Amino acid sequence: MKQLPLLAAPGWSDYELLDVGGFEKLERFGKYITIRPEPQAIWDKTLSETEWKKLAHVKFIGTSSSSGIWEKYKDMPDNWEIKCPIGNSELHFNLALTRFKHVGIFPEQSVNWKFIYDKVTAMKSHQESVPVLNLFAYTGGASLAACAAGAEVYHVDSIKQVVSWSKRNMESSYLNDIRWVVEDAVKFVKREVRRGKKYKGIILDPPAFGHGPNGESWKLESMINELVKDVIQILDPTEHFLVMNTYSLGFSALIIQNIIQQHLHSQGIKDTSEEYGELYIPSKSGSILPLGVYARLG
């Protein structure tokens, strides 16, 4: 059987995974180094605990299953900015020490941002409008990449504060005209199916669990099949790209492959390239951190 490919996130000057292990990761975001939980890092750290603490500016300490506090070892701001080069553009991200351990960016997605940027750039060479839909869009890295390449971007996320954060990133990146949609992604897609809307590009990065703005529940395993079925219906059948990521322990890329291929066939979409595999970041210390599975079409 052919092995599914591993896709490595490329490094850039403002981000580096220094070490990972012991259920934690040591990362540099710009000038500041953080320690955060990482449930998949079940192996030992390469560097010593003393070295980790000496390097780090701040460490996240969980106080419940979903939140926690940051313990600062050195002076640093609660908010700062980093940059990521994509194509001929430079994306700017406003980072923050949130109580949910996140800082406002998933660096492993930079490899997909480049894929999106390149696909939109190619489409813009021969057509004026390239509508792109970003679902579960978080702070908007994929939205920024598509916008920087000239796409007409629809950014959908159910949390108003996160959409506001995305807008700050757009403004910091000197971009404009992204369409902001604060709505449950499942409901939005079903409405677009009824309208007969088509998108040249679709990005979806669903969480394992979540809730919409009106309390709508989301569980990846029970709902992803129906969502992908609807997403394929609004994907332009003649020219398109699709990027999908899932970060859920034990969720295989083969599951995503089966779901997508079944719905592609049901819609009669045959002439498209497909890639399925596992996404990872190599650390400076030599360990490799797996960060979910991906699918890319187009």
C-alpha atoms as a PDB file:
ATOM      1  CA  MET A   1       0.000   0.000   0.000  1.00  0.00           C
ATOM      2  CA  LYS A   2       1.266   3.464  -0.853  1.00  0.00           C
ATOM      3  CA  GLN A   3       2.271   5.446   2.240  1.00  0.00           C
ATOM      4  CA  LEU A   4       0.364   8.654   2.854  1.00  0.00           C
ATOM      5  CA  PRO A   5       2.666  11.674   2.507  1.00  0.00           C
ATOM      6  CA  LEU A   6       3.997  13.735   5.386  1.00  0.00           C
ATOM      7  CA  LEU A   7       3.802  17.492   4.832  1.00  0.00           C
ATOM      8  CA  ALA A   8       6.331  19.628   6.716  1.00  0.00           C
ATOM      9  CA  ALA A   9       5.574  23.217   7.627  1.00  0.00           C
ATOM     10  CA  PRO A  10       8.406  25.425   6.341  1.00  0.00           C
ATOM     11  CA  GLY A  11      10.266  27.563   8.822  1.00  0.00           C
ATOM     12  CA  TRP A  12      10.365  31.339   8.729  1.00  0.00           C
ATOM     13  CA  SER A  13      12.350  33.904  10.705  1.00  0.00           C
ATOM     14  CA  ASP A  14       9.570  34.830  13.160  1.00  0.00           C
ATOM     15  CA  TYR A  15       8.686  31.259  14.172  1.00  0.00           C
ATOM     16  CA  GLU A  16      10.644  28.249  15.395  1.00  0.00           C
ATOM     17  CA  LEU A  17       9.799  25.038  17.244  1.00  0.00           C
ATOM     18  CA  LEU A  18      12.806  24.701  19.536  1.00  0.00           C
ATOM     19  CA  ASP A  19      11.982  21.449  21.332  1.00  0.00           C
ATOM     20  CA  VAL A  20       8.984  19.239  22.035  1.00  0.00           C
ATOM     21  CA  GLY A  21       8.320  16.386  24.455  1.00  0.00           C
ATOM     22  CA  GLY A  22       6.948  15.578  27.881  1.00  0.00           C
ATOM     23  CA  PHE A  23       3.499  16.739  26.688  1.00  0.00           C
ATOM     24  CA  GLU A  24       4.830  20.268  26.081  1.00  0.00           C
ATOM     25  CA  LYS A  25       6.302  22.349  23.244  1.00  0.00           C
ATOM     26  CA  LEU A  26       8.904  25.127  23.347  1.00  0.00           C
ATOM     27  CA  GLU A  27       8.265  27.681  20.588  1.00  0.00           C
ATOM     28  CA  ARG A  28       9.670  31.031  19.537  1.00  0.00           C
ATOM     29  CA  PHE A  29       7.197  33.599  18.202  1.00  0.00           C
ATOM     30  CA  GLY A  30       9.250  36.591  17.114  1.00  0.00           C
ATOM     31  CA  LYS A  31      11.391  37.629  20.099  1.00  0.00           C
ATOM     32  CA  TYR A  32       9.425  35.657  22.685  1.00  0.00           C
ATOM     33  CA  ILE A  33       9.602  31.990  23.665  1.00  0.00           C
ATOM     34  CA  THR A  34       6.608  30.135  25.086  1.00  0.00           C
ATOM     35  CA  ILE A  35       5.983  26.792  26.754  1.00  0.00           C
ATOM     36  CA  ARG A  36       2.563  25.334  25.981  1.00  0.00           C
ATOM     37  CA  PRO A  37       0.853  21.953  26.461  1.00  0.00           C
ATOM     38  CA  GLU A  38       1.022  19.474  23.562  1.00  0.00           C
ATOM     39  CA  PRO A  39      -1.005  16.285  24.095  1.00  0.00           C
ATOM     40  CA  GLN A  40       0.694  14.369  21.269  1.00  0.00           C
ATOM     41  CA  ALA A  41       4.241  14.881  22.582  1.00  0.00           C
ATOM     42  CA  ILE A  42       4.382  11.708  24.649  1.00  0.00           C
ATOM     43  CA  TRP A  43       8.168  11.216  24.224  1.00  0.00           C
ATOM     44  CA  ASP A  44      10.914  12.790  26.365  1.00  0.00           C
ATOM     45  CA  LYS A  45      12.233  16.309  25.844  1.00  0.00           C
ATOM     46  CA  THR A  46      15.637  16.600  24.174  1.00  0.00           C
ATOM     47  CA  LEU A  47      16.676  19.668  26.156  1.00  0.00           C
ATOM     48  CA  SER A  48      16.637  19.605  29.946  1.00  0.00           C
ATOM     49  CA  GLU A  49      13.935  21.215  32.086  1.00  0.00           C
ATOM     50  CA  THR A  50      16.555  23.742  33.203  1.00  0.00           C
ATOM     51  CA  GLU A  51      17.300  24.675  29.594  1.00  0.00           C
ATOM     52  CA  TRP A  52      13.595  25.046  28.812  1.00  0.00           C
ATOM     53  CA  LYS A  53      13.041  27.392  31.737  1.00  0.00           C
ATOM     54  CA  LYS A  54      16.186  29.370  30.936  1.00  0.00           C
ATOM     55  CA  LEU A  55      15.065  29.927  27.319  1.00  0.00           C
ATOM     56  CA  ALA A  56      11.357  30.595  27.916  1.00  0.00           C
ATOM     57  CA  HIS A  57       9.715  33.932  28.575  1.00  0.00           C
ATOM     58  CA  VAL A  58       6.393  32.449  29.637  1.00  0.00           C
ATOM     59  CA  LYS A  59       4.661  29.135  30.375  1.00  0.00           C
ATOM     60  CA  PHE A  60       0.985  28.229  30.139  1.00  0.00           C
ATOM     61  CA  ILE A  61      -0.343  26.427  33.219  1.00  0.00           C
ATOM     62  CA  GLY A  62      -3.760  24.799  32.911  1.00  0.00           C
ATOM     63  CA  THR A  63      -6.186  25.417  35.742  1.00  0.00           C
ATOM     64  CA  SER A  64      -9.066  23.492  34.170  1.00  0.00           C
ATOM     65  CA  SER A  65      -9.650  21.262  31.150  1.00  0.00           C
ATOM     66  CA  SER A  66     -10.220  24.286  28.897  1.00  0.00           C
ATOM     67  CA  SER A  67      -8.377  27.282  30.366  1.00  0.00           C
ATOM     68  CA  GLY A  68      -5.444  28.400  32.441  1.00  0.00           C
ATOM     69  CA  ILE A  69      -2.950  31.145  33.275  1.00  0.00           C
ATOM     70  CA  TRP A  70       0.448  32.241  31.995  1.00  0.00           C
ATOM     71  CA  GLU A  71       3.460  32.273  34.316  1.00  0.00           C
ATOM     72  CA  LYS A  72       6.085  34.765  33.132  1.00  0.00           C
ATOM     73  CA  TYR A  73       9.770  33.955  33.629  1.00  0.00           C
ATOM     74  CA  LYS A  74      10.986  37.115  31.853  1.00  0.00           C
ATOM     75  CA  ASP A  75       9.483  40.463  30.918  1.00  0.00           C
ATOM     76  CA  MET A  76       7.331  40.354  27.791  1.00  0.00           C
ATOM     77  CA  PRO A  77       4.098  41.998  26.592  1.00  0.00           C
ATOM     78  CA  ASP A  78       0.727  40.236  26.636  1.00  0.00           C
ATOM     79  CA  ASN A  79       0.268  41.285  22.993  1.00  0.00           C
ATOM     80  CA  TRP A  80       2.824  41.398  20.191  1.00  0.00           C
ATOM     81  CA  GLU A  81       3.136  40.990  16.413  1.00  0.00           C
ATOM     82  CA  ILE A  82       4.940  38.590  14.093  1.00  0.00           C
ATOM     83  CA  LYS A  83       5.230  38.400  10.305  1.00  0.00           C
ATOM     84  CA  CYS A  84       5.128  35.512   7.840  1.00  0.00           C
ATOM     85  CA  PRO A  85       6.277  35.882   4.200  1.00  0.00           C
ATOM     86  CA  ILE A  86       3.944  34.320   1.623  1.00  0.00           C
ATOM     87  CA  GLY A  87       4.716  34.739  -2.073  1.00  0.00           C
ATOM     88  CA  ASN A  88       5.249  38.425  -2.756  1.00  0.00           C
ATOM     89  CA  SER A  89       3.391  39.399   0.411  1.00  0.00           C
ATOM     90  CA  GLU A  90       4.003  39.535   4.144  1.00  0.00           C
ATOM     91  CA  LEU A  91       1.221  38.493   6.502  1.00  0.00           C
ATOM     92  CA  HIS A  92       1.083  40.151   9.920  1.00  0.00           C
ATOM     93  CA  PHE A  93      -0.358  38.417  12.992  1.00  0.00           C
ATOM     94  CA  ASN A  94      -1.323  40.051  16.261  1.00  0.00           C
ATOM     95  CA  LEU A  95      -0.543  37.538  18.993  1.00  0.00           C
ATOM     96  CA  ALA A  96      -1.841  37.399  22.565  1.00  0.00           C
ATOM     97  CA  LEU A  97      -1.513  35.276  25.687  1.00  0.00           C
ATOM     98  CA  THR A  98      -5.054  33.907  25.870  1.00  0.00           C
ATOM     99  CA  ARG A  99      -6.543  31.882  28.704  1.00  0.00           C
ATOM    100  CA  PHE A 100      -7.111  28.996  26.263  1.00  0.00           C
ATOM    101  CA  LYS A 101      -3.317  28.395  25.713  1.00  0.00           C
ATOM    102  CA  HIS A 102      -3.521  29.653  22.106  1.00  0.00           C
ATOM    103  CA  VAL A 103      -1.614  32.747  21.002  1.00  0.00           C
ATOM    104  CA  GLY A 104      -3.554  33.460  17.789  1.00  0.00           C
ATOM    105  CA  ILE A 105      -1.755  31.452  15.124  1.00  0.00           C
ATOM    106  CA  PHE A 106      -1.257  27.835  14.044  1.00  0.00           C
ATOM    107  CA  PRO A 107       2.236  27.991  12.472  1.00  0.00           C
ATOM    108  CA  GLU A 108       1.984  24.561  10.814  1.00  0.00           C
ATOM    109  CA  GLN A 109      -0.678  26.018   8.515  1.00  0.00           C
ATOM    110  CA  SER A 110       1.899  28.225   6.776  1.00  0.00           C
ATOM    111  CA  VAL A 111       2.496  25.398   4.285  1.00  0.00           C
ATOM    112  CA  ASN A 112      -1.192  25.538   3.367  1.00  0.00           C
ATOM    113  CA  TRP A 113      -1.163  29.344   3.199  1.00  0.00           C
ATOM    114  CA  LYS A 114       1.460  29.096   0.458  1.00  0.00           C
ATOM    115  CA  PHE A 115      -0.620  26.455  -1.359  1.00  0.00           C
ATOM    116  CA  ILE A 116      -3.666  28.766  -1.199  1.00  0.00           C
ATOM    117  CA  TYR A 117      -1.689  31.813  -2.314  1.00  0.00           C
ATOM    118  CA  ASP A 118      -0.222  29.944  -5.287  1.00  0.00           C
ATOM    119  CA  LYS A 119      -3.596  28.504  -6.361  1.00  0.00           C
ATOM    120  CA  VAL A 120      -5.338  31.879  -6.225  1.00  0.00           C
ATOM    121  CA  THR A 121      -2.456  33.562  -8.076  1.00  0.00           C
ATOM    122  CA  ALA A 122      -2.718  30.985 -10.878  1.00  0.00           C
ATOM    123  CA  MET A 123      -6.491  31.462 -11.157  1.00  0.00           C
ATOM    124  CA  LYS A 124      -6.188  35.257 -11.160  1.00  0.00           C
ATOM    125  CA  SER A 125      -3.938  35.029 -14.213  1.00  0.00           C
ATOM    126  CA  HIS A 126      -6.935  34.173 -16.397  1.00  0.00           C
ATOM    127  CA  GLN A 127     -10.079  35.251 -14.515  1.00  0.00           C
ATOM    128  CA  GLU A 128     -11.167  38.368 -12.700  1.00  0.00           C
ATOM    129  CA  SER A 129     -13.057  36.904  -9.747  1.00  0.00           C
ATOM    130  CA  VAL A 130     -11.829  34.057  -7.513  1.00  0.00           C
ATOM    131  CA  PRO A 131     -14.301  33.559  -4.630  1.00  0.00           C
ATOM    132  CA  VAL A 132     -12.761  31.697  -1.679  1.00  0.00           C
ATOM    133  CA  LEU A 133     -14.589  30.448   1.407  1.00  0.00           C
ATOM    134  CA  ASN A 134     -12.733  29.952   4.698  1.00  0.00           C
ATOM    135  CA  LEU A 135     -14.739  27.950   7.267  1.00  0.00           C
ATOM    136  CA  PHE A 136     -13.838  27.730  10.983  1.00  0.00           C
ATOM    137  CA  ALA A 137     -11.498  30.538   9.979  1.00  0.00           C
ATOM    138  CA  TYR A 138     -10.058  31.416  13.433  1.00  0.00           C
ATOM    139  CA  THR A 139      -7.688  34.414  13.237  1.00  0.00           C
ATOM    140  CA  GLY A 140      -7.558  34.279   9.475  1.00  0.00           C
ATOM    141  CA  GLY A 141      -4.165  33.071   8.259  1.00  0.00           C
ATOM    142  CA  ALA A 142      -5.740  31.307   5.259  1.00  0.00           C
ATOM    143  CA  SER A 143      -8.031  34.295   4.636  1.00  0.00           C
ATOM    144  CA  LEU A 144      -5.032  36.642   4.564  1.00  0.00           C
ATOM    145  CA  ALA A 145      -3.125  34.386   2.164  1.00  0.00           C
ATOM    146  CA  ALA A 146      -6.067  34.187  -0.254  1.00  0.00           C
ATOM    147  CA  CYS A 147      -6.735  37.916   0.004  1.00  0.00           C
ATOM    148  CA  ALA A 148      -3.068  38.783  -0.593  1.00  0.00           C
ATOM    149  CA  ALA A 149      -3.227  36.789  -3.848  1.00  0.00           C
ATOM    150  CA  GLY A 150      -6.327  38.694  -4.988  1.00  0.00           C
ATOM    151  CA  ALA A 151      -9.214  36.416  -4.004  1.00  0.00           C
ATOM    152  CA  GLU A 152     -12.698  37.525  -3.005  1.00  0.00           C
ATOM    153  CA  VAL A 153     -12.615  36.074   0.514  1.00  0.00           C
ATOM    154  CA  TYR A 154     -15.539  35.016   2.720  1.00  0.00           C
ATOM    155  CA  HIS A 155     -14.320  34.423   6.277  1.00  0.00           C
ATOM    156  CA  VAL A 156     -16.710  32.396   8.471  1.00  0.00           C
ATOM    157  CA  ASP A 157     -16.284  31.851  12.205  1.00  0.00           C
ATOM    158  CA  SER A 158     -18.859  31.535  14.966  1.00  0.00           C
ATOM    159  CA  ILE A 159     -16.994  33.644  17.563  1.00  0.00           C
ATOM    160  CA  LYS A 160     -17.344  37.415  17.154  1.00  0.00           C
ATOM    161  CA  GLN A 161     -14.191  38.233  19.142  1.00  0.00           C
ATOM    162  CA  VAL A 162     -12.116  35.922  16.920  1.00  0.00           C
ATOM    163  CA  VAL A 163     -13.507  37.571  13.786  1.00  0.00           C
ATOM    164  CA  SER A 164     -12.515  40.955  15.245  1.00  0.00           C
ATOM    165  CA  TRP A 165      -9.021  39.556  15.837  1.00  0.00           C
ATOM    166  CA  SER A 166      -8.897  38.425  12.180  1.00  0.00           C
ATOM    167  CA  LYS A 167      -9.866  41.909  11.062  1.00  0.00           C
ATOM    168  CA  ARG A 168      -6.944  43.386  13.035  1.00  0.00           C
ATOM    169  CA  ASN A 169      -4.626  40.933  11.280  1.00  0.00           C
ATOM    170  CA  MET A 170      -6.020  41.995   7.904  1.00  0.00           C
ATOM    171  CA  GLU A 171      -5.453  45.660   8.702  1.00  0.00           C
ATOM    172  CA  SER A 172      -1.952  44.999  10.045  1.00  0.00           C
ATOM    173  CA  SER A 173      -1.172  43.161   6.796  1.00  0.00           C
ATOM    174  CA  TYR A 174      -2.330  46.186   4.753  1.00  0.00           C
ATOM    175  CA  LEU A 175      -5.096  44.152   3.136  1.00  0.00           C
ATOM    176  CA  ASN A 176      -8.814  44.912   2.792  1.00  0.00           C
ATOM    177  CA  ASP A 177     -12.250  43.813   1.593  1.00  0.00           C
ATOM    178  CA  ILE A 178     -12.464  40.415   3.330  1.00  0.00           C
ATOM    179  CA  ARG A 179     -16.161  39.590   3.939  1.00  0.00           C
ATOM    180  CA  TRP A 180     -16.691  38.774   7.619  1.00  0.00           C
ATOM    181  CA  VAL A 181     -19.420  36.282   8.566  1.00  0.00           C
ATOM    182  CA  VAL A 182     -20.144  35.518  12.238  1.00  0.00           C
ATOM    183  CA  GLU A 183     -22.163  32.327  11.890  1.00  0.00           C
ATOM    184  CA  ASP A 184     -22.190  28.594  12.470  1.00  0.00           C
ATOM    185  CA  ALA A 185     -20.226  27.068   9.561  1.00  0.00           C
ATOM    186  CA  VAL A 186     -22.646  24.170   9.046  1.00  0.00           C
ATOM    187  CA  LYS A 187     -25.653  26.486   8.742  1.00  0.00           C
ATOM    188  CA  PHE A 188     -23.790  28.861   6.432  1.00  0.00           C
ATOM    189  CA  VAL A 189     -22.777  26.074   4.039  1.00  0.00           C
ATOM    190  CA  LYS A 190     -26.288  24.599   3.915  1.00  0.00           C
ATOM    191  CA  ARG A 191     -27.663  28.008   2.983  1.00  0.00           C
ATOM    192  CA  GLU A 192     -25.061  28.365   0.218  1.00  0.00           C
ATOM    193  CA  VAL A 193     -26.091  24.936  -1.127  1.00  0.00           C
ATOM    194  CA  ARG A 194     -29.723  26.105  -1.322  1.00  0.00           C
ATOM    195  CA  ARG A 195     -28.621  29.286  -3.109  1.00  0.00           C
ATOM    196  CA  GLY A 196     -26.558  27.364  -5.650  1.00  0.00           C
ATOM    197  CA  LYS A 197     -23.424  29.337  -4.730  1.00  0.00           C
ATOM    198  CA  LYS A 198     -20.069  28.136  -6.077  1.00  0.00           C
ATOM    199  CA  TYR A 199     -16.566  28.858  -4.757  1.00  0.00           C
ATOM    200  CA  LYS A 200     -13.258  28.432  -6.550  1.00  0.00           C
ATOM    201  CA  GLY A 201     -11.516  27.681  -3.266  1.00  0.00           C
ATOM    202  CA  ILE A 202     -12.710  26.303   0.067  1.00  0.00           C
ATOM    203  CA  ILE A 203     -10.695  25.969   3.275  1.00  0.00           C
ATOM    204  CA  LEU A 204     -11.984  24.187   6.359  1.00  0.00           C
ATOM    205  CA  ASP A 205     -10.165  23.565   9.617  1.00  0.00           C
ATOM    206  CA  PRO A 206     -12.842  22.215  11.960  1.00  0.00           C
ATOM    207  CA  PRO A 207     -12.199  21.683  15.691  1.00  0.00           C
ATOM    208  CA  ALA A 208     -12.787  18.364  17.432  1.00  0.00           C
ATOM    209  CA  PHE A 209     -15.540  19.987  19.494  1.00  0.00           C
ATOM    210  CA  GLY A 210     -17.180  23.398  19.404  1.00  0.00           C
ATOM    211  CA  HIS A 211     -20.292  25.553  19.589  1.00  0.00           C
ATOM    212  CA  GLY A 212     -21.887  28.066  17.222  1.00  0.00           C
ATOM    213  CA  PRO A 213     -23.000  31.606  18.139  1.00  0.00           C
ATOM    214  CA  ASN A 214     -26.447  30.345  19.176  1.00  0.00           C
ATOM    215  CA  GLY A 215     -25.250  27.277  21.054  1.00  0.00           C
ATOM    216  CA  GLU A 216     -25.118  24.960  18.034  1.00  0.00           C
ATOM    217  CA  SER A 217     -22.998  21.941  18.912  1.00  0.00           C
ATOM    218  CA  TRP A 218     -20.221  20.573  16.737  1.00  0.00           C
ATOM    219  CA  LYS A 219     -18.560  17.164  17.071  1.00  0.00           C
ATOM    220  CA  LEU A 220     -16.075  16.247  14.364  1.00  0.00           C
ATOM    221  CA  GLU A 221     -16.687  12.512  14.149  1.00  0.00           C
ATOM    222  CA  SER A 222     -20.459  12.748  13.899  1.00  0.00           C
ATOM    223  CA  MET A 223     -20.760  15.835  11.671  1.00  0.00           C
ATOM    224  CA  ILE A 224     -17.772  15.999   9.313  1.00  0.00           C
ATOM    225  CA  ASN A 225     -19.264  13.632   6.711  1.00  0.00           C
ATOM    226  CA  GLU A 226     -22.399  15.757   6.255  1.00  0.00           C
ATOM    227  CA  LEU A 227     -20.371  18.980   6.128  1.00  0.00           C
ATOM    228  CA  VAL A 228     -17.983  17.667   3.470  1.00  0.00           C
ATOM    229  CA  LYS A 229     -20.955  16.454   1.422  1.00  0.00           C
ATOM    230  CA  ASP A 230     -22.363  19.996   1.435  1.00  0.00           C
ATOM    231  CA  VAL A 231     -18.955  21.640   0.847  1.00  0.00           C
ATOM    232  CA  ILE A 232     -18.339  19.557  -2.297  1.00  0.00           C
ATOM    233  CA  GLN A 233     -21.698  20.759  -3.647  1.00  0.00           C
ATOM    234  CA  ILE A 234     -20.576  24.407  -3.504  1.00  0.00           C
ATOM    235  CA  LEU A 235     -17.088  23.743  -4.924  1.00  0.00           C
ATOM    236  CA  ASP A 236     -16.737  24.885  -8.539  1.00  0.00           C
ATOM    237  CA  PRO A 237     -16.466  21.596 -10.493  1.00  0.00           C
ATOM    238  CA  THR A 238     -14.405  23.014 -13.363  1.00  0.00           C
ATOM    239  CA  GLU A 239     -11.585  24.831 -11.557  1.00  0.00           C
ATOM    240  CA  HIS A 240     -11.048  24.708  -7.828  1.00  0.00           C
ATOM    241  CA  PHE A 241      -8.912  23.965  -4.820  1.00  0.00           C
ATOM    242  CA  LEU A 242      -9.825  22.639  -1.385  1.00  0.00           C
ATOM    243  CA  VAL A 243      -7.761  22.519   1.809  1.00  0.00           C
ATOM    244  CA  MET A 244      -8.986  20.567   4.826  1.00  0.00           C
ATOM    245  CA  ASN A 245      -7.280  19.979   8.172  1.00  0.00           C
ATOM    246  CA  THR A 246      -8.361  18.022  11.222  1.00  0.00           C
ATOM    247  CA  TYR A 247      -6.548  18.013  14.542  1.00  0.00           C
ATOM    248  CA  SER A 248      -8.150  15.216  16.524  1.00  0.00           C
ATOM    249  CA  LEU A 249      -6.208  12.470  18.308  1.00  0.00           C
ATOM    250  CA  GLY A 250      -6.520   9.191  16.447  1.00  0.00           C
ATOM    251  CA  PHE A 251      -8.231  10.718  13.377  1.00  0.00           C
ATOM    252  CA  SER A 252      -6.698   9.095  10.305  1.00  0.00           C
ATOM    253  CA  ALA A 253      -6.035  10.713   6.934  1.00  0.00           C
ATOM    254  CA  LEU A 254      -7.692   7.642   5.421  1.00  0.00           C
ATOM    255  CA  ILE A 255     -10.982   8.722   6.991  1.00  0.00           C
ATOM    256  CA  ILE A 256     -10.751  12.099   5.271  1.00  0.00           C
ATOM    257  CA  GLN A 257      -9.772  10.425   2.012  1.00  0.00           C
ATOM    258  CA  ASN A 258     -12.796   8.098   2.087  1.00  0.00           C
ATOM    259  CA  ILE A 259     -15.215  10.929   2.867  1.00  0.00           C
ATOM    260  CA  ILE A 260     -13.913  13.353   0.240  1.00  0.00           C
ATOM    261  CA  GLN A 261     -13.568  10.794  -2.545  1.00  0.00           C
ATOM    262  CA  GLN A 262     -17.084   9.482  -1.978  1.00  0.00           C
ATOM    263  CA  HIS A 263     -18.621  12.936  -2.255  1.00  0.00           C
ATOM    264  CA  LEU A 264     -16.429  13.943  -5.203  1.00  0.00           C
ATOM    265  CA  HIS A 265     -17.725  10.911  -7.095  1.00  0.00           C
ATOM    266  CA  SER A 266     -21.345  11.640  -6.145  1.00  0.00           C
ATOM    267  CA  GLN A 267     -20.972  15.136  -7.639  1.00  0.00           C
ATOM    268  CA  GLY A 268     -19.244  13.811 -10.753  1.00  0.00           C
ATOM    269  CA  ILE A 269     -15.966  15.616 -10.049  1.00  0.00           C
ATOM    270  CA  LYS A 270     -13.241  13.450 -11.559  1.00  0.00           C
ATOM    271  CA  ASP A 271     -10.435  15.559 -12.986  1.00  0.00           C
ATOM    272  CA  THR A 272      -8.860  16.920  -9.807  1.00  0.00           C
ATOM    273  CA  SER A 273      -5.568  16.194  -8.108  1.00  0.00           C
ATOM    274  CA  GLU A 274      -5.856  14.803  -4.577  1.00  0.00           C
ATOM    275  CA  GLU A 275      -3.373  14.655  -1.718  1.00  0.00           C
ATOM    276  CA  TYR A 276      -3.971  13.215   1.752  1.00  0.00           C
ATOM    277  CA  GLY A 277      -1.485  12.886   4.585  1.00  0.00           C
ATOM    278  CA  GLU A 278      -0.146  14.049   7.919  1.00  0.00           C
ATOM    279  CA  LEU A 279       1.072  17.546   8.760  1.00  0.00           C
ATOM    280  CA  TYR A 280       4.055  18.121  11.036  1.00  0.00           C
ATOM    281  CA  ILE A 281       6.634  20.628  12.254  1.00  0.00           C
ATOM    282  CA  PRO A 282      10.275  19.576  12.684  1.00  0.00           C
ATOM    283  CA  SER A 283      11.865  20.956  15.849  1.00  0.00           C
ATOM    284  CA  LYS A 284      15.335  22.469  16.125  1.00  0.00           C
ATOM    285  CA  SER A 285      16.218  19.712  18.617  1.00  0.00           C
ATOM    286  CA  GLY A 286      15.411  16.972  16.082  1.00  0.00           C
ATOM    287  CA  SER A 287      11.990  15.733  17.241  1.00  0.00           C
ATOM    288  CA  ILE A 288       9.048  15.838  14.845  1.00  0.00           C
ATOM    289  CA  LEU A 289       5.663  17.100  16.061  1.00  0.00           C
ATOM    290  CA  PRO A 290       2.577  15.667  14.277  1.00  0.00           C
ATOM    291  CA  LEU A 291      -0.193  18.233  13.947  1.00  0.00           C
ATOM    292  CA  GLY A 292      -3.165  16.503  12.404  1.00  0.00           C
ATOM    293  CA  VAL A 293      -4.131  15.219   8.999  1.00  0.00           C
ATOM    294  CA  TYR A 294      -4.789  17.166   5.830  1.00  0.00           C
ATOM    295  CA  ALA A 295      -6.406  16.914   2.423  1.00  0.00           C
ATOM    296  CA  ARG A 296      -5.639  19.125  -0.573  1.00  0.00           C
ATOM    297  CA  LEU A 297      -7.468  19.116  -3.900  1.00  0.00           C
ATOM    298  CA  GLY A 298      -6.766  21.070  -7.039  1.00  0.00           C
END
